[in-house]
Amino acid sequence: MEVPIETPSTTAQKQEVARRNADSYFVAWEKRTALVEQQVTAESAARDAKTARLRALRLAKEAVDKEAGILDKDSKRLTKKRALPIKA
């Protein structure tokens, strides 16, 4: 059985193939990383928008409750109007 002798051109070809494979993996990794960063940015923006919307709703509700006299003057806690228990 003969062992093939590698010529410089064969070695260079193998190195080129290895470099292209490494480059293709690196490019794919960069694309995935960019996609994940876009998703994270989109999720963050959506979360910020939701938080702003909920805050605006809460502030509007507190303003309405304050006008109706439901909120305590000293705190933002709602006062519960409890019905008196019926004693039999």
Protein backbone atom coordinates (compact mmCIF):
# COMPACT_ATOMS: atom_id res chain seq x y z
CA MET A 1 0.00 0.00 0.00
CA GLU A 2 1.44 3.29 -1.06
CA VAL A 3 1.14 6.45 0.97
CA PRO A 4 0.28 9.38 -1.26
CA ILE A 5 2.79 12.17 -1.10
CA GLU A 6 1.17 15.52 -0.71
CA THR A 7 2.41 18.15 -3.01
CA PRO A 8 2.45 21.81 -2.06
CA SER A 9 -0.54 22.45 -4.30
CA THR A 10 -2.57 19.72 -2.55
CA THR A 11 -1.67 21.15 0.85
CA ALA A 12 -2.60 24.64 -0.30
CA GLN A 13 -5.93 23.35 -1.60
CA LYS A 14 -6.68 21.65 1.71
CA GLN A 15 -5.80 24.82 3.57
CA GLU A 16 -8.05 26.84 1.28
CA VAL A 17 -10.94 24.43 1.82
CA ALA A 18 -10.42 24.57 5.59
CA ARG A 19 -10.32 28.38 5.48
CA ARG A 20 -13.54 28.55 3.44
CA ASN A 21 -15.27 26.17 5.85
CA ALA A 22 -14.16 28.26 8.82
CA ASP A 23 -15.29 31.44 7.07
CA SER A 24 -18.69 29.95 6.28
CA TYR A 25 -19.20 28.96 9.93
CA PHE A 26 -18.10 32.42 11.05
CA VAL A 27 -20.46 34.16 8.61
CA ALA A 28 -23.36 31.97 9.74
CA TRP A 29 -22.51 32.74 13.38
CA GLU A 30 -22.46 36.48 12.61
CA LYS A 31 -25.86 36.27 10.91
CA ARG A 32 -27.38 34.40 13.86
CA THR A 33 -25.88 36.88 16.30
CA ALA A 34 -27.26 39.83 14.34
CA LEU A 35 -30.69 38.19 14.21
CA VAL A 36 -30.69 37.58 17.96
CA GLU A 37 -29.65 41.19 18.59
CA GLN A 38 -32.53 42.40 16.40
CA GLN A 39 -34.98 40.19 18.28
CA VAL A 40 -33.71 41.42 21.65
CA THR A 41 -34.00 45.03 20.51
CA ALA A 42 -37.54 44.46 19.22
CA GLU A 43 -38.59 42.72 22.45
CA SER A 44 -37.09 45.53 24.51
CA ALA A 45 -38.94 48.16 22.50
CA ALA A 46 -42.19 46.23 22.83
CA ARG A 47 -41.67 45.89 26.60
CA ASP A 48 -40.92 49.61 26.93
CA ALA A 49 -44.04 50.51 24.94
CA LYS A 50 -46.17 48.19 27.08
CA THR A 51 -44.73 49.68 30.26
CA ALA A 52 -45.42 53.22 29.06
CA ARG A 53 -49.00 52.29 28.10
CA LEU A 54 -49.68 50.62 31.44
CA ARG A 55 -48.16 53.54 33.34
CA ALA A 56 -50.37 55.99 31.45
CA LEU A 57 -53.43 53.86 32.21
CA ARG A 58 -52.47 53.64 35.90
CA LEU A 59 -51.95 57.39 36.16
CA ALA A 60 -55.25 58.08 34.43
CA LYS A 61 -57.05 55.69 36.78
CA GLU A 62 -55.40 57.28 39.81
CA ALA A 63 -56.50 60.72 38.61
CA VAL A 64 -60.09 59.53 38.18
CA ASP A 65 -60.01 57.81 41.58
CA LYS A 66 -58.57 60.90 43.22
CA GLU A 67 -61.34 63.03 41.77
CA ALA A 68 -63.89 60.52 43.02
CA GLY A 69 -62.31 60.58 46.49
CA ILE A 70 -61.41 56.92 46.50
CA LEU A 71 -57.69 57.48 47.06
CA ASP A 72 -56.32 58.44 50.45
CA LYS A 73 -54.88 61.92 50.52
CA ASP A 74 -51.61 60.78 52.09
CA SER A 75 -50.96 57.72 49.98
CA LYS A 76 -51.77 56.24 46.63
CA ARG A 77 -53.50 53.24 48.17
CA LEU A 78 -57.12 52.68 47.44
CA THR A 79 -59.46 52.85 50.39
CA LYS A 80 -61.82 49.95 50.45
CA LYS A 81 -65.38 50.66 51.30
CA ARG A 82 -66.42 47.70 53.36
CA ALA A 83 -69.97 46.80 54.01
CA LEU A 84 -70.88 46.34 57.63
CA PRO A 85 -71.46 42.72 58.53
CA ILE A 86 -75.06 41.81 59.17
CA LYS A 87 -75.58 40.46 62.68
CA ALA A 88 -78.42 38.10 63.10
